[in-house]
């Protein structure tokens, strides 16, 4: 079934508005990307840091003095892994 010249022209006329819209959207994106300079959002987010004070008296509490250190874990003395891990047991 051959498309006639009139059908091609009618189809082209319906695609022209779509093409114009795509070109306009692209132009707006390019314009905003290159020429519109917006203020960065960071000045509102960054606040001056407060002075940090560490209360070292909390380290001398009786609850912390009762804590015991963990025992050292002995190293593994056997051979680790198998020669071929894919062989069933």
PDB file of N, CA and C in Angstrom:
ATOM      1  N   UNK A   1       0.849  -1.177   0.000  1.00  0.00           N
ATOM      2  CA  UNK A   1       0.000   0.000   0.000  1.00  0.00           C
ATOM      3  C   UNK A   1       0.891   1.235   0.000  1.00  0.00           C
ATOM      4  N   UNK A   2       0.855   1.965  -1.023  1.00  0.00           N
ATOM      5  CA  UNK A   2       1.711   3.133  -1.203  1.00  0.00           C
ATOM      6  C   UNK A   2       1.098   4.349  -0.537  1.00  0.00           C
ATOM      7  N   UNK A   3       1.976   5.140   0.096  1.00  0.00           N
ATOM      8  CA  UNK A   3       1.518   6.377   0.723  1.00  0.00           C
ATOM      9  C   UNK A   3       1.585   7.475  -0.336  1.00  0.00           C
ATOM     10  N   UNK A   4       0.481   8.147  -0.533  1.00  0.00           N
ATOM     11  CA  UNK A   4       0.434   9.190  -1.560  1.00  0.00           C
ATOM     12  C   UNK A   4       1.092  10.451  -1.041  1.00  0.00           C
ATOM     13  N   UNK A   5       1.353  11.350  -1.956  1.00  0.00           N
ATOM     14  CA  UNK A   5       1.989  12.627  -1.630  1.00  0.00           C
ATOM     15  C   UNK A   5       1.119  13.425  -0.661  1.00  0.00           C
ATOM     16  N   UNK A   6      -0.188  13.396  -0.834  1.00  0.00           N
ATOM     17  CA  UNK A   6      -1.095  14.147   0.043  1.00  0.00           C
ATOM     18  C   UNK A   6      -1.071  13.584   1.471  1.00  0.00           C
ATOM     19  N   UNK A   7      -0.975  12.259   1.589  1.00  0.00           N
ATOM     20  CA  UNK A   7      -0.912  11.667   2.921  1.00  0.00           C
ATOM     21  C   UNK A   7       0.390  12.044   3.630  1.00  0.00           C
ATOM     22  N   UNK A   8       1.490  12.073   2.884  1.00  0.00           N
ATOM     23  CA  UNK A   8       2.776  12.473   3.448  1.00  0.00           C
ATOM     24  C   UNK A   8       2.731  13.921   3.911  1.00  0.00           C
ATOM     25  N   UNK A   9       2.127  14.766   3.100  1.00  0.00           N
ATOM     26  CA  UNK A   9       2.052  16.190   3.425  1.00  0.00           C
ATOM     27  C   UNK A   9       1.166  16.401   4.652  1.00  0.00           C
ATOM     28  N   UNK A  10       0.051  15.678   4.733  1.00  0.00           N
ATOM     29  CA  UNK A  10      -0.845  15.785   5.879  1.00  0.00           C
ATOM     30  C   UNK A  10      -0.131  15.317   7.156  1.00  0.00           C
ATOM     31  N   UNK A  11       0.629  14.243   7.028  1.00  0.00           N
ATOM     32  CA  UNK A  11       1.382  13.716   8.164  1.00  0.00           C
ATOM     33  C   UNK A  11       2.456  14.717   8.599  1.00  0.00           C
ATOM     34  N   UNK A  12       3.126  15.341   7.654  1.00  0.00           N
ATOM     35  CA  UNK A  12       4.155  16.332   7.941  1.00  0.00           C
ATOM     36  C   UNK A  12       3.550  17.544   8.632  1.00  0.00           C
ATOM     37  N   UNK A  13       2.370  17.982   8.216  1.00  0.00           N
ATOM     38  CA  UNK A  13       1.715  19.125   8.840  1.00  0.00           C
ATOM     39  C   UNK A  13       1.347  18.815  10.287  1.00  0.00           C
ATOM     40  N   UNK A  14       1.024  17.575  10.601  1.00  0.00           N
ATOM     41  CA  UNK A  14       0.685  17.242  11.982  1.00  0.00           C
ATOM     42  C   UNK A  14       1.933  17.116  12.853  1.00  0.00           C
ATOM     43  N   UNK A  15       3.092  16.878  12.243  1.00  0.00           N
ATOM     44  CA  UNK A  15       4.328  16.762  13.015  1.00  0.00           C
ATOM     45  C   UNK A  15       5.001  18.105  13.270  1.00  0.00           C
ATOM     46  N   UNK A  16       4.659  19.118  12.505  1.00  0.00           N
ATOM     47  CA  UNK A  16       5.304  20.428  12.660  1.00  0.00           C
ATOM     48  C   UNK A  16       5.059  21.018  14.050  1.00  0.00           C
ATOM     49  N   UNK A  17       3.834  21.021  14.602  1.00  0.00           N
ATOM     50  CA  UNK A  17       3.668  21.569  15.961  1.00  0.00           C
ATOM     51  C   UNK A  17       4.463  20.789  17.021  1.00  0.00           C
ATOM     52  N   UNK A  18       4.564  19.504  16.867  1.00  0.00           N
ATOM     53  CA  UNK A  18       5.346  18.700  17.812  1.00  0.00           C
ATOM     54  C   UNK A  18       6.813  19.105  17.745  1.00  0.00           C
ATOM     55  N   UNK A  19       7.322  19.291  16.533  1.00  0.00           N
ATOM     56  CA  UNK A  19       8.712  19.701  16.351  1.00  0.00           C
ATOM     57  C   UNK A  19       8.952  21.087  16.945  1.00  0.00           C
ATOM     58  N   UNK A  20       8.030  21.995  16.768  1.00  0.00           N
ATOM     59  CA  UNK A  20       8.173  23.343  17.320  1.00  0.00           C
ATOM     60  C   UNK A  20       8.191  23.293  18.847  1.00  0.00           C
ATOM     61  N   UNK A  21       7.346  22.489  19.452  1.00  0.00           N
ATOM     62  CA  UNK A  21       7.313  22.366  20.907  1.00  0.00           C
ATOM     63  C   UNK A  21       8.624  21.787  21.432  1.00  0.00           C
ATOM     64  N   UNK A  22       9.151  20.778  20.758  1.00  0.00           N
ATOM     65  CA  UNK A  22      10.430  20.177  21.171  1.00  0.00           C
ATOM     66  C   UNK A  22      11.550  21.202  21.076  1.00  0.00           C
ATOM     67  N   UNK A  23      11.571  21.989  20.029  1.00  0.00           N
ATOM     68  CA  UNK A  23      12.615  23.013  19.859  1.00  0.00           C
ATOM     69  C   UNK A  23      12.494  24.068  20.951  1.00  0.00           C
ATOM     70  N   UNK A  24      11.284  24.491  21.278  1.00  0.00           N
ATOM     71  CA  UNK A  24      11.092  25.491  22.326  1.00  0.00           C
ATOM     72  C   UNK A  24      11.528  24.971  23.697  1.00  0.00           C
ATOM     73  N   UNK A  25      11.184  23.752  24.012  1.00  0.00           N
ATOM     74  CA  UNK A  25      11.589  23.176  25.302  1.00  0.00           C
ATOM     75  C   UNK A  25      13.103  23.077  25.383  1.00  0.00           C
ATOM     76  N   UNK A  26      13.731  22.654  24.303  1.00  0.00           N
ATOM     77  CA  UNK A  26      15.195  22.565  24.273  1.00  0.00           C
ATOM     78  C   UNK A  26      15.822  23.936  24.443  1.00  0.00           C
ATOM     79  N   UNK A  27      15.270  24.954  23.791  1.00  0.00           N
ATOM     80  CA  UNK A  27      15.801  26.311  23.899  1.00  0.00           C
ATOM     81  C   UNK A  27      15.682  26.828  25.326  1.00  0.00           C
ATOM     82  N   UNK A  28      14.570  26.553  25.985  1.00  0.00           N
ATOM     83  CA  UNK A  28      14.396  27.004  27.367  1.00  0.00           C
ATOM     84  C   UNK A  28      15.398  26.315  28.287  1.00  0.00           C
ATOM     85  N   UNK A  29      15.602  25.035  28.098  1.00  0.00           N
ATOM     86  CA  UNK A  29      16.560  24.296  28.929  1.00  0.00           C
ATOM     87  C   UNK A  29      17.970  24.839  28.722  1.00  0.00           C
ATOM     88  N   UNK A  30      18.348  25.076  27.484  1.00  0.00           N
ATOM     89  CA  UNK A  30      19.682  25.613  27.190  1.00  0.00           C
ATOM     90  C   UNK A  30      19.808  27.016  27.769  1.00  0.00           C
ATOM     91  N   UNK A  31      18.799  27.835  27.618  1.00  0.00           N
ATOM     92  CA  UNK A  31      18.835  29.211  28.127  1.00  0.00           C
ATOM     93  C   UNK A  31      19.018  29.213  29.647  1.00  0.00           C
ATOM     94  N   UNK A  32      18.243  28.394  30.348  1.00  0.00           N
ATOM     95  CA  UNK A  32      18.349  28.350  31.806  1.00  0.00           C
ATOM     96  C   UNK A  32      19.684  27.740  32.239  1.00  0.00           C
ATOM     97  N   UNK A  33      20.202  26.811  31.472  1.00  0.00           N
ATOM     98  CA  UNK A  33      21.448  26.157  31.851  1.00  0.00           C
ATOM     99  C   UNK A  33      22.665  27.036  31.677  1.00  0.00           C
ATOM    100  N   UNK A  34      22.680  27.887  30.665  1.00  0.00           N
ATOM    101  CA  UNK A  34      23.875  28.666  30.371  1.00  0.00           C
ATOM    102  C   UNK A  34      23.786  30.127  30.801  1.00  0.00           C
ATOM    103  N   UNK A  35      22.630  30.716  30.752  1.00  0.00           N
ATOM    104  CA  UNK A  35      22.555  32.157  30.923  1.00  0.00           C
ATOM    105  C   UNK A  35      21.903  32.618  32.214  1.00  0.00           C
ATOM    106  N   UNK A  36      21.047  31.831  32.814  1.00  0.00           N
ATOM    107  CA  UNK A  36      20.381  32.245  34.043  1.00  0.00           C
ATOM    108  C   UNK A  36      21.222  31.774  35.223  1.00  0.00           C
ATOM    109  N   UNK A  37      21.733  32.729  35.963  1.00  0.00           N
ATOM    110  CA  UNK A  37      22.567  32.402  37.128  1.00  0.00           C
ATOM    111  C   UNK A  37      21.708  32.516  38.374  1.00  0.00           C
ATOM    112  N   UNK A  38      21.487  31.392  39.018  1.00  0.00           N
ATOM    113  CA  UNK A  38      20.710  31.375  40.241  1.00  0.00           C
ATOM    114  C   UNK A  38      21.657  31.330  41.424  1.00  0.00           C
ATOM    115  N   UNK A  39      21.232  31.943  42.511  1.00  0.00           N
ATOM    116  CA  UNK A  39      22.024  31.909  43.730  1.00  0.00           C
ATOM    117  C   UNK A  39      22.047  30.488  44.277  1.00  0.00           C
ATOM    118  N   UNK A  40      23.176  30.026  44.714  1.00  0.00           N
ATOM    119  CA  UNK A  40      23.211  28.676  45.284  1.00  0.00           C
ATOM    120  C   UNK A  40      22.409  28.623  46.575  1.00  0.00           C
ATOM    121  N   UNK A  41      21.914  27.454  46.867  1.00  0.00           N
ATOM    122  CA  UNK A  41      21.071  27.242  48.045  1.00  0.00           C
ATOM    123  C   UNK A  41      21.890  27.184  49.328  1.00  0.00           C
ATOM    124  N   UNK A  42      23.187  27.033  49.218  1.00  0.00           N
ATOM    125  CA  UNK A  42      24.040  26.793  50.382  1.00  0.00           C
ATOM    126  C   UNK A  42      24.061  27.902  51.422  1.00  0.00           C
ATOM    127  N   UNK A  43      24.044  29.191  51.078  1.00  0.00           N
ATOM    128  CA  UNK A  43      24.117  30.203  52.142  1.00  0.00           C
ATOM    129  C   UNK A  43      23.006  30.086  53.175  1.00  0.00           C
ATOM    130  N   UNK A  44      21.848  29.584  52.803  1.00  0.00           N
ATOM    131  CA  UNK A  44      20.770  29.426  53.760  1.00  0.00           C
ATOM    132  C   UNK A  44      20.988  28.195  54.640  1.00  0.00           C
ATOM    133  N   UNK A  45      21.699  27.212  54.126  1.00  0.00           N
ATOM    134  CA  UNK A  45      21.871  25.955  54.840  1.00  0.00           C
ATOM    135  C   UNK A  45      23.032  26.039  55.830  1.00  0.00           C
ATOM    136  N   UNK A  46      24.122  26.679  55.442  1.00  0.00           N
ATOM    137  CA  UNK A  46      25.323  26.722  56.274  1.00  0.00           C
ATOM    138  C   UNK A  46      25.104  27.693  57.432  1.00  0.00           C
ATOM    139  N   UNK A  47      25.302  27.201  58.625  1.00  0.00           N
ATOM    140  CA  UNK A  47      25.179  28.013  59.827  1.00  0.00           C
ATOM    141  C   UNK A  47      26.519  27.970  60.555  1.00  0.00           C
ATOM    142  N   UNK A  48      26.852  29.012  61.268  1.00  0.00           N
ATOM    143  CA  UNK A  48      28.121  28.971  61.992  1.00  0.00           C
ATOM    144  C   UNK A  48      28.100  27.880  63.060  1.00  0.00           C
ATOM    145  N   UNK A  49      29.221  27.207  63.195  1.00  0.00           N
ATOM    146  CA  UNK A  49      29.324  26.099  64.141  1.00  0.00           C
ATOM    147  C   UNK A  49      29.351  26.631  65.567  1.00  0.00           C
ATOM    148  N   UNK A  50      28.683  25.926  66.450  1.00  0.00           N
ATOM    149  CA  UNK A  50      28.712  26.297  67.861  1.00  0.00           C
ATOM    150  C   UNK A  50      29.983  25.748  68.487  1.00  0.00           C
ATOM    151  N   UNK A  51      30.393  26.358  69.577  1.00  0.00           N
ATOM    152  CA  UNK A  51      31.568  25.882  70.283  1.00  0.00           C
ATOM    153  C   UNK A  51      31.230  24.541  70.929  1.00  0.00           C
ATOM    154  N   UNK A  52      32.066  23.560  70.699  1.00  0.00           N
ATOM    155  CA  UNK A  52      31.842  22.216  71.231  1.00  0.00           C
ATOM    156  C   UNK A  52      32.564  22.082  72.563  1.00  0.00           C
ATOM    157  N   UNK A  53      31.804  21.706  73.569  1.00  0.00           N
ATOM    158  CA  UNK A  53      32.392  21.481  74.886  1.00  0.00           C
ATOM    159  C   UNK A  53      32.169  20.023  75.274  1.00  0.00           C
ATOM    160  N   UNK A  54      33.249  19.357  75.687  1.00  0.00           N
ATOM    161  CA  UNK A  54      33.175  17.946  76.072  1.00  0.00           C
ATOM    162  C   UNK A  54      33.231  17.864  77.591  1.00  0.00           C
ATOM    163  N   UNK A  55      32.234  17.187  78.164  1.00  0.00           N
ATOM    164  CA  UNK A  55      32.183  17.005  79.603  1.00  0.00           C
ATOM    165  C   UNK A  55      32.968  15.740  79.977  1.00  0.00           C
ATOM    166  N   UNK A  56      34.188  15.925  80.443  1.00  0.00           N
ATOM    167  CA  UNK A  56      35.037  14.788  80.783  1.00  0.00           C
ATOM    168  C   UNK A  56      34.661  14.174  82.125  1.00  0.00           C
ATOM    169  N   UNK A  57      33.832  14.826  82.911  1.00  0.00           N
ATOM    170  CA  UNK A  57      33.394  14.263  84.184  1.00  0.00           C
ATOM    171  C   UNK A  57      32.528  13.026  83.954  1.00  0.00           C
ATOM    172  N   UNK A  58      31.879  12.931  82.798  1.00  0.00           N
ATOM    173  CA  UNK A  58      31.039  11.768  82.502  1.00  0.00           C
ATOM    174  C   UNK A  58      31.887  10.510  82.378  1.00  0.00           C
ATOM    175  N   UNK A  59      33.160  10.637  82.017  1.00  0.00           N
ATOM    176  CA  UNK A  59      34.035   9.464  81.902  1.00  0.00           C
ATOM    177  C   UNK A  59      34.446   8.910  83.260  1.00  0.00           C
ATOM    178  N   UNK A  60      34.275   9.689  84.296  1.00  0.00           N
ATOM    179  CA  UNK A  60      34.661   9.251  85.634  1.00  0.00           C
ATOM    180  C   UNK A  60      33.484   8.689  86.425  1.00  0.00           C
ATOM    181  N   UNK A  61      32.375   8.440  85.771  1.00  0.00           N
ATOM    182  CA  UNK A  61      31.197   7.938  86.470  1.00  0.00           C
ATOM    183  C   UNK A  61      31.430   6.493  86.916  1.00  0.00           C
ATOM    184  N   UNK A  62      30.782   6.057  88.020  1.00  0.00           N
ATOM    185  CA  UNK A  62      30.983   4.687  88.520  1.00  0.00           C
ATOM    186  C   UNK A  62      30.483   3.621  87.550  1.00  0.00           C
ATOM    187  N   UNK A  63      29.467   3.937  86.742  1.00  0.00           N
ATOM    188  CA  UNK A  63      28.960   2.954  85.771  1.00  0.00           C
ATOM    189  C   UNK A  63      30.029   2.611  84.744  1.00  0.00           C
ATOM    190  N   UNK A  64      30.777   3.603  84.286  1.00  0.00           N
ATOM    191  CA  UNK A  64      31.824   3.346  83.298  1.00  0.00           C
ATOM    192  C   UNK A  64      33.030   2.643  83.919  1.00  0.00           C
ATOM    193  N   UNK A  65      33.297   2.907  85.180  1.00  0.00           N
ATOM    194  CA  UNK A  65      34.427   2.250  85.842  1.00  0.00           C
ATOM    195  C   UNK A  65      34.179   0.762  86.064  1.00  0.00           C
ATOM    196  N   UNK A  66      32.915   0.353  86.137  1.00  0.00           N
ATOM    197  CA  UNK A  66      32.581  -1.054  86.335  1.00  0.00           C
ATOM    198  C   UNK A  66      32.729  -1.879  85.059  1.00  0.00           C
ATOM    199  N   UNK A  67      32.804  -1.254  83.931  1.00  0.00           N
ATOM    200  CA  UNK A  67      32.901  -1.981  82.661  1.00  0.00           C
ATOM    201  C   UNK A  67      34.248  -2.686  82.559  1.00  0.00           C
ATOM    202  N   UNK A  68      34.221  -3.880  81.990  1.00  0.00           N
ATOM    203  CA  UNK A  68      35.430  -4.678  81.810  1.00  0.00           C
ATOM    204  C   UNK A  68      35.748  -4.756  80.316  1.00  0.00           C
ATOM    205  N   UNK A  69      37.026  -4.756  79.956  1.00  0.00           N
ATOM    206  CA  UNK A  69      37.367  -4.871  78.527  1.00  0.00           C
ATOM    207  C   UNK A  69      37.080  -6.288  78.029  1.00  0.00           C
ATOM    208  N   UNK A  70      36.855  -6.408  76.754  1.00  0.00           N
ATOM    209  CA  UNK A  70      36.640  -7.711  76.143  1.00  0.00           C
ATOM    210  C   UNK A  70      37.920  -8.530  76.196  1.00  0.00           C
ATOM    211  N   UNK A  71      37.743  -9.849  76.253  1.00  0.00           N
ATOM    212  CA  UNK A  71      38.912 -10.724  76.184  1.00  0.00           C
ATOM    213  C   UNK A  71      39.416 -10.729  74.750  1.00  0.00           C
ATOM    214  N   UNK A  72      40.733 -10.891  74.612  1.00  0.00           N
ATOM    215  CA  UNK A  72      41.303 -10.924  73.281  1.00  0.00           C
ATOM    216  C   UNK A  72      40.917 -12.240  72.609  1.00  0.00           C
ATOM    217  N   UNK A  73      40.467 -12.162  71.390  1.00  0.00           N
ATOM    218  CA  UNK A  73      40.061 -13.350  70.648  1.00  0.00           C
ATOM    219  C   UNK A  73      41.309 -14.022  70.084  1.00  0.00           C
ATOM    220  N   UNK A  74      41.506 -15.322  70.380  1.00  0.00           N
ATOM    221  CA  UNK A  74      42.707 -15.988  69.858  1.00  0.00           C
ATOM    222  C   UNK A  74      42.633 -16.128  68.340  1.00  0.00           C
ATOM    223  N   UNK A  75      43.795 -16.130  67.728  1.00  0.00           N
ATOM    224  CA  UNK A  75      43.827 -16.253  66.265  1.00  0.00           C
ATOM    225  C   UNK A  75      43.452 -17.669  65.849  1.00  0.00           C
ATOM    226  N   UNK A  76      42.971 -17.799  64.641  1.00  0.00           N
ATOM    227  CA  UNK A  76      42.521 -19.076  64.100  1.00  0.00           C
ATOM    228  C   UNK A  76      43.747 -19.874  63.686  1.00  0.00           C
ATOM    229  N   UNK A  77      43.921 -21.078  64.226  1.00  0.00           N
ATOM    230  CA  UNK A  77      45.142 -21.834  63.980  1.00  0.00           C
ATOM    231  C   UNK A  77      44.994 -22.891  62.895  1.00  0.00           C
ATOM    232  N   UNK A  78      43.759 -23.249  62.541  1.00  0.00           N
ATOM    233  CA  UNK A  78      43.578 -24.261  61.512  1.00  0.00           C
ATOM    234  C   UNK A  78      43.661 -23.611  60.131  1.00  0.00           C
ATOM    235  N   UNK A  79      43.698 -24.493  59.124  1.00  0.00           N
ATOM    236  CA  UNK A  79      43.737 -23.978  57.760  1.00  0.00           C
ATOM    237  C   UNK A  79      42.364 -23.403  57.398  1.00  0.00           C
ATOM    238  N   UNK A  80      42.369 -22.262  56.769  1.00  0.00           N
ATOM    239  CA  UNK A  80      41.123 -21.587  56.421  1.00  0.00           C
ATOM    240  C   UNK A  80      40.690 -22.014  55.025  1.00  0.00           C
ATOM    241  N   UNK A  81      39.425 -22.390  54.892  1.00  0.00           N
ATOM    242  CA  UNK A  81      38.868 -22.714  53.585  1.00  0.00           C
ATOM    243  C   UNK A  81      39.235 -24.106  53.119  1.00  0.00           C
ATOM    244  N   UNK A  82      38.786 -24.423  51.903  1.00  0.00           N
ATOM    245  CA  UNK A  82      39.080 -25.716  51.283  1.00  0.00           C
ATOM    246  C   UNK A  82      39.784 -25.471  49.960  1.00  0.00           C
ATOM    247  N   UNK A  83      40.438 -26.486  49.474  1.00  0.00           N
ATOM    248  CA  UNK A  83      41.155 -26.345  48.203  1.00  0.00           C
ATOM    249  C   UNK A  83      40.176 -26.076  47.070  1.00  0.00           C
ATOM    250  N   UNK A  84      39.062 -26.838  47.047  1.00  0.00           N
ATOM    251  CA  UNK A  84      38.025 -26.616  46.046  1.00  0.00           C
ATOM    252  C   UNK A  84      36.701 -26.438  46.797  1.00  0.00           C
ATOM    253  N   UNK A  85      36.209 -25.206  46.933  1.00  0.00           N
ATOM    254  CA  UNK A  85      35.001 -24.974  47.721  1.00  0.00           C
ATOM    255  C   UNK A  85      33.717 -25.483  47.059  1.00  0.00           C
ATOM    256  N   UNK A  86      33.791 -25.876  45.786  1.00  0.00           N
ATOM    257  CA  UNK A  86      32.606 -26.309  45.077  1.00  0.00           C
ATOM    258  C   UNK A  86      32.366 -27.808  45.142  1.00  0.00           C
ATOM    259  N   UNK A  87      33.306 -28.538  45.721  1.00  0.00           N
ATOM    260  CA  UNK A  87      33.132 -29.980  45.879  1.00  0.00           C
ATOM    261  C   UNK A  87      32.228 -30.210  47.089  1.00  0.00           C
ATOM    262  N   UNK A  88      31.173 -31.051  46.960  1.00  0.00           N
ATOM    263  CA  UNK A  88      30.307 -31.279  48.117  1.00  0.00           C
ATOM    264  C   UNK A  88      31.033 -32.018  49.227  1.00  0.00           C
ATOM    265  N   UNK A  89      30.531 -31.877  50.465  1.00  0.00           N
ATOM    266  CA  UNK A  89      31.132 -32.549  51.622  1.00  0.00           C
ATOM    267  C   UNK A  89      30.945 -34.042  51.538  1.00  0.00           C
TER     268      UNK A  89
END
